[in-house]
Protein backbone atom coordinates (compact mmCIF):
# COMPACT_ATOMS: atom_id res chain seq x y z
CA MET A 1 -49.15 19.44 -18.10
CA LYS A 2 -50.49 18.49 -14.67
CA PHE A 3 -50.97 14.91 -15.87
CA PHE A 4 -47.30 14.55 -16.83
CA GLU A 5 -46.18 16.16 -13.56
CA ARG A 6 -48.32 13.70 -11.61
CA LEU A 7 -47.04 10.78 -13.70
CA LYS A 8 -43.43 11.84 -13.10
CA SER A 9 -44.09 12.19 -9.37
CA PHE A 10 -45.71 8.73 -9.29
CA LEU A 11 -42.82 7.11 -11.16
CA LEU A 12 -40.21 8.67 -8.88
CA ARG A 13 -42.12 7.48 -5.81
CA LEU A 14 -42.30 3.89 -7.01
CA ASP A 15 -40.36 1.50 -4.78
CA ASN A 16 -40.18 -2.18 -3.95
CA LEU A 17 -42.61 -1.76 -1.07
CA LYS A 18 -45.26 -0.39 -3.45
CA VAL A 19 -44.59 -3.27 -5.86
CA GLN A 20 -44.75 -5.85 -3.08
CA LYS A 21 -48.06 -4.58 -1.68
CA SER A 22 -49.84 -4.45 -5.05
CA ARG A 23 -52.03 -7.16 -6.55
CA LEU A 24 -50.77 -9.40 -9.35
CA VAL A 25 -51.47 -7.30 -12.48
CA LEU A 26 -50.44 -4.03 -10.86
CA LYS A 27 -47.46 -5.75 -9.25
CA ILE A 28 -46.14 -6.77 -12.67
CA LEU A 29 -46.86 -3.33 -14.13
CA TYR A 30 -45.21 -1.46 -11.24
CA PHE A 31 -42.24 -3.84 -11.31
CA LEU A 32 -41.62 -3.12 -14.99
CA MET A 33 -42.12 0.62 -14.50
CA LEU A 34 -39.62 0.67 -11.63
CA LYS A 35 -37.12 -1.22 -13.79
CA VAL A 36 -37.42 1.38 -16.56
CA VAL A 37 -37.06 4.29 -14.12
CA ASN A 38 -34.00 2.66 -12.57
CA ILE A 39 -32.37 2.14 -15.98
CA TYR A 40 -32.71 5.88 -16.48
CA ARG A 41 -31.24 6.47 -13.01
CA TRP A 42 -28.27 4.19 -13.73
CA SER A 43 -27.50 6.19 -16.87
CA LEU A 44 -27.54 9.40 -14.79
CA ALA A 45 -25.33 7.77 -12.16
CA PHE A 46 -22.83 6.58 -14.76
CA PHE A 47 -22.54 9.85 -16.71
CA ASN A 48 -22.27 11.92 -13.52
CA LYS A 49 -19.74 9.65 -11.82
CA GLY A 50 -17.28 11.73 -9.83
CA LYS A 51 -19.13 15.00 -10.48
CA LEU A 52 -21.21 15.17 -7.29
CA SER A 53 -19.79 15.83 -3.83
CA ASN A 54 -22.24 13.99 -1.57
CA LEU A 55 -25.07 11.47 -1.42
CA ASN A 56 -27.79 14.09 -1.00
CA GLU A 57 -26.83 15.78 -4.28
CA TYR A 58 -26.54 12.38 -5.94
CA PHE A 59 -29.94 11.07 -4.81
CA SER A 60 -31.56 14.40 -5.70
CA LEU A 61 -30.20 14.07 -9.25
CA LEU A 62 -31.57 10.52 -9.47
CA GLY A 63 -34.97 11.56 -8.17
CA ILE A 64 -34.73 9.40 -5.04
CA PHE A 65 -36.28 11.07 -2.03
CA TRP A 66 -36.88 9.93 1.53
CA TYR A 67 -40.62 9.57 1.99
CA GLY A 68 -43.26 6.84 1.75
CA GLY A 69 -41.61 3.42 1.55
CA ASN A 70 -38.08 4.80 1.87
CA GLU A 71 -36.61 4.40 5.32
CA GLY A 72 -35.15 7.39 7.13
CA HIS A 73 -31.43 8.04 7.47
CA THR A 74 -29.09 9.64 9.99
CA GLN A 75 -28.30 12.75 7.95
CA GLN A 76 -31.92 13.83 8.37
CA VAL A 77 -30.93 14.62 11.98
CA PRO A 78 -27.97 17.08 12.04
CA GLN A 79 -27.24 16.40 15.73
CA GLU A 80 -26.92 12.68 15.10
CA THR A 81 -24.70 13.27 12.05
CA GLU A 82 -22.38 15.51 14.11
CA PHE A 83 -22.21 12.90 16.88
CA LEU A 84 -21.34 10.09 14.45
CA LYS A 85 -18.81 12.34 12.74
CA ASP A 86 -17.06 13.32 15.98
CA ILE A 87 -17.05 9.88 17.58
CA SER A 88 -15.65 8.16 14.46
CA LYS A 89 -12.76 10.56 13.85
CA GLN A 90 -10.26 8.27 15.59
CA LYS A 91 -11.82 5.00 14.41
CA LYS A 92 -10.07 3.21 11.55
CA LYS A 93 -12.07 -0.02 11.28
CA ILE A 94 -15.82 0.54 11.24
CA LEU A 95 -18.68 -1.93 10.81
CA GLU A 96 -22.20 -0.78 10.00
CA ILE A 97 -25.22 -3.08 10.17
CA GLY A 98 -27.93 -1.45 8.07
CA PHE A 99 -26.59 0.50 5.07
CA ASN A 100 -29.92 1.72 3.64
CA GLY A 101 -28.93 4.63 1.35
CA GLY A 102 -25.41 4.94 2.72
CA HIS A 103 -25.63 8.21 4.65
CA SER A 104 -24.03 6.90 7.86
CA SER A 105 -21.27 5.21 5.86
CA GLU A 106 -20.62 8.50 4.10
CA THR A 107 -20.38 10.29 7.47
CA PHE A 108 -17.84 7.75 8.76
CA LEU A 109 -15.75 7.84 5.57
CA GLU A 110 -15.70 11.64 5.50
CA SER A 111 -14.80 11.99 9.19
CA ASN A 112 -11.49 10.12 8.91
CA LYS A 113 -9.56 9.74 5.66
CA TYR A 114 -7.83 6.64 7.09
CA SER A 115 -11.00 4.80 8.07
CA ASN A 116 -12.33 1.67 6.36
CA VAL A 117 -16.04 0.90 6.46
CA ASP A 118 -17.66 -2.51 6.05
CA SER A 119 -21.43 -2.26 5.74
CA ILE A 120 -24.22 -4.83 5.62
CA ASP A 121 -27.71 -4.55 4.17
CA ILE A 122 -30.42 -6.99 3.09
CA GLY A 123 -30.71 -4.99 -0.15
CA PHE A 124 -34.51 -4.78 -0.23
CA HIS A 125 -34.79 -1.11 -1.23
CA HIS A 126 -33.99 -0.18 -4.83
CA TYR A 127 -31.77 2.71 -3.76
CA VAL A 128 -29.30 0.52 -1.82
CA LYS A 129 -27.27 -0.34 -4.95
CA PHE A 130 -27.29 3.30 -6.05
CA GLY A 131 -25.80 4.31 -2.71
CA LYS A 132 -23.20 1.58 -3.01
CA TYR A 133 -22.26 2.73 -6.52
CA PHE A 134 -21.66 6.30 -5.35
CA LEU A 135 -19.57 5.40 -2.28
CA LYS A 136 -17.63 2.67 -4.07
CA ASN A 137 -16.60 5.18 -6.73
CA LYS A 138 -15.73 7.89 -4.21
CA PHE A 139 -13.95 5.62 -1.70
CA PRO A 140 -12.90 2.58 -3.80
CA LYS A 141 -10.36 1.16 -1.35
CA ARG A 142 -12.03 2.12 1.92
CA PHE A 143 -15.63 0.96 1.53
CA GLU A 144 -17.31 -2.42 1.10
CA LEU A 145 -20.99 -3.37 1.14
CA PHE A 146 -22.14 -6.92 1.80
CA ILE A 147 -25.67 -7.71 0.61
CA GLY A 148 -27.45 -10.24 2.81
CA LYS A 149 -28.96 -10.73 6.25
CA SER A 150 -26.59 -9.74 9.03
CA SER A 151 -27.13 -13.15 10.63
CA TYR A 152 -25.55 -14.64 7.49
CA VAL A 153 -22.85 -12.04 6.76
CA LEU A 154 -21.53 -11.45 10.30
CA PRO A 155 -20.43 -15.10 10.84
CA LYS A 156 -18.39 -14.83 7.64
CA LEU A 157 -16.61 -11.75 9.02
CA ILE A 158 -16.01 -13.66 12.27
CA GLU A 159 -14.47 -16.52 10.27
CA GLN A 160 -12.09 -13.96 8.73
CA LYS A 161 -11.11 -12.99 12.31
CA LYS A 162 -12.06 -9.38 11.75
CA THR A 163 -12.37 -6.92 14.62
CA TYR A 164 -13.62 -3.34 14.54
CA ASP A 165 -13.01 -0.12 16.45
CA LEU A 166 -16.63 0.96 16.03
CA ILE A 167 -19.79 -1.02 15.30
CA PHE A 168 -22.96 0.88 14.41
CA ILE A 169 -26.08 -1.29 14.60
CA ASP A 170 -29.01 0.16 12.66
CA GLY A 171 -30.49 -2.81 10.84
CA SER A 172 -33.61 -4.78 11.66
CA HIS A 173 -35.58 -3.38 14.58
CA LEU A 174 -37.11 -6.73 15.55
CA TYR A 175 -36.02 -7.75 19.04
CA GLU A 176 -34.83 -11.19 17.92
CA ASP A 177 -32.71 -9.71 15.12
CA VAL A 178 -31.16 -7.03 17.35
CA VAL A 179 -30.15 -9.71 19.87
CA ILE A 180 -28.44 -11.69 17.10
CA ASP A 181 -26.67 -8.54 15.85
CA LEU A 182 -25.42 -7.77 19.36
CA GLU A 183 -24.35 -11.37 19.99
CA LEU A 184 -22.37 -11.59 16.74
CA SER A 185 -20.96 -8.06 17.09
CA LYS A 186 -19.46 -9.07 20.42
CA LYS A 187 -17.34 -11.64 18.55
CA LEU A 188 -16.10 -8.87 16.25
CA SER A 189 -15.13 -6.60 19.13
CA ASN A 190 -12.43 -6.09 21.71
CA LYS A 191 -12.66 -4.28 25.06
CA ASP A 192 -12.18 -0.89 23.37
CA THR A 193 -14.68 -1.36 20.55
CA LEU A 194 -17.44 1.24 20.67
CA ILE A 195 -20.92 -0.19 20.12
CA ILE A 196 -23.63 2.22 18.94
CA LEU A 197 -27.22 0.99 18.78
CA ASP A 198 -29.72 3.19 16.97
CA ASP A 199 -33.35 3.76 17.97
CA VAL A 200 -33.02 2.83 21.64
CA TYR A 201 -35.41 4.97 23.67
CA LEU A 202 -34.62 5.04 27.39
CA GLU A 203 -36.71 6.60 30.14
CA THR A 204 -35.60 10.14 30.96
CA GLU A 205 -37.30 13.19 32.47
CA ASN A 206 -39.03 13.86 29.14
CA PHE A 207 -39.96 10.22 28.54
CA SER A 208 -43.33 9.69 26.86
CA GLU A 209 -45.02 6.46 25.77
CA ILE A 210 -46.09 8.22 22.57
CA ASN A 211 -42.49 7.98 21.36
CA VAL A 212 -42.28 4.20 21.84
CA ASP A 213 -43.39 2.03 18.95
CA SER A 214 -42.18 -0.85 16.77
CA HIS A 215 -39.15 1.08 15.50
CA ASN A 216 -37.53 1.40 18.94
CA SER A 217 -39.18 -1.18 21.22
CA GLY A 218 -37.05 -4.08 19.90
CA PRO A 219 -33.65 -2.34 20.13
CA THR A 220 -34.56 -0.93 23.57
CA LYS A 221 -35.55 -4.32 24.97
CA ALA A 222 -32.40 -5.99 23.63
CA TRP A 223 -30.09 -3.26 25.00
CA LEU A 224 -31.67 -3.30 28.47
CA GLU A 225 -31.33 -7.08 28.65
CA TYR A 226 -27.63 -6.87 27.78
CA LEU A 227 -27.18 -4.27 30.51
CA GLN A 228 -28.98 -6.42 33.08
CA LYS A 229 -26.88 -9.46 32.13
CA ASN A 230 -23.73 -7.35 32.53
CA ILE A 231 -22.67 -8.11 28.95
CA ILE A 232 -22.38 -4.47 27.96
CA GLN A 233 -21.46 -1.25 29.72
CA GLN A 234 -23.38 1.86 28.73
CA LYS A 235 -21.33 5.01 28.09
CA GLY A 236 -24.07 7.35 26.96
CA PHE A 237 -27.57 7.94 25.64
CA LEU A 238 -28.55 10.75 23.27
CA GLU A 239 -31.97 11.92 22.19
CA PHE A 240 -32.19 14.12 19.10
CA SER A 241 -34.66 16.80 18.10
CA THR A 242 -36.86 15.93 15.13
CA THR A 243 -39.96 17.32 13.47
CA ASN A 244 -41.94 14.10 13.95
CA THR A 245 -43.40 12.60 17.13
CA ASN A 246 -41.18 9.53 17.14
CA LYS A 247 -37.96 10.84 18.61
CA ARG A 248 -34.64 9.70 17.22
CA SER A 249 -32.14 8.43 19.77
CA ILE A 250 -29.03 6.28 20.16
CA VAL A 251 -27.19 4.54 22.95
CA PHE A 252 -23.52 3.56 23.03
CA GLY A 253 -21.10 1.58 25.15
CA ASN A 254 -18.57 -1.28 25.23
CA PHE A 255 -18.85 -5.04 25.62
CA ILE A 256 -17.56 -6.27 28.97
């Protein structure tokens, strides 16, 4: 019995990161195993379409949990979810860079029944398409996901002369990528567009170097440079309570 429980746990934990890091024979084996598990998940998703009220219930049914290779999401931090919910209530056109599982998109779509959300993701994680399937079925006319690097997708949105009321940047954390996201987002903004950048960690009274690492050093550096160059005006900075040492935080403002 324990063997089958362990096997089930292993199969549910399989992800593209595990496949990618494995050697050739295991890589092929894990790839095929993940494909089989995902076929089972797609059948669950299809037969339960419209029966579940939110992403957390949906991912729980599919056996997709946020640990190991799975990146975190905003709904893991209730304070951040409430902030995003409140600040997006009056926003009708929303752009999100970094869809992941779709939790922030869900927050935006639920906060305002008139809002439309365009989201971008590179599509590396296997659960991205599952999140898209759920939100596309629940909000068919108000949600769109573009798979690809933001540096490729954003210029296409610029060509379409799109502008947004709110832009939430939570994609790549590499400094160079964040700079590109900010630069291109400026072209999709007007003076009233609210820019929110995730994982910026600014010095405050409780500042500690232990909370600065690769997940927030790039966004922080990019944001501070934009402030110094007088390209952006900061409106606020929020730090959220979490159970891990790496604090979660966001900064927001407007392009000048």
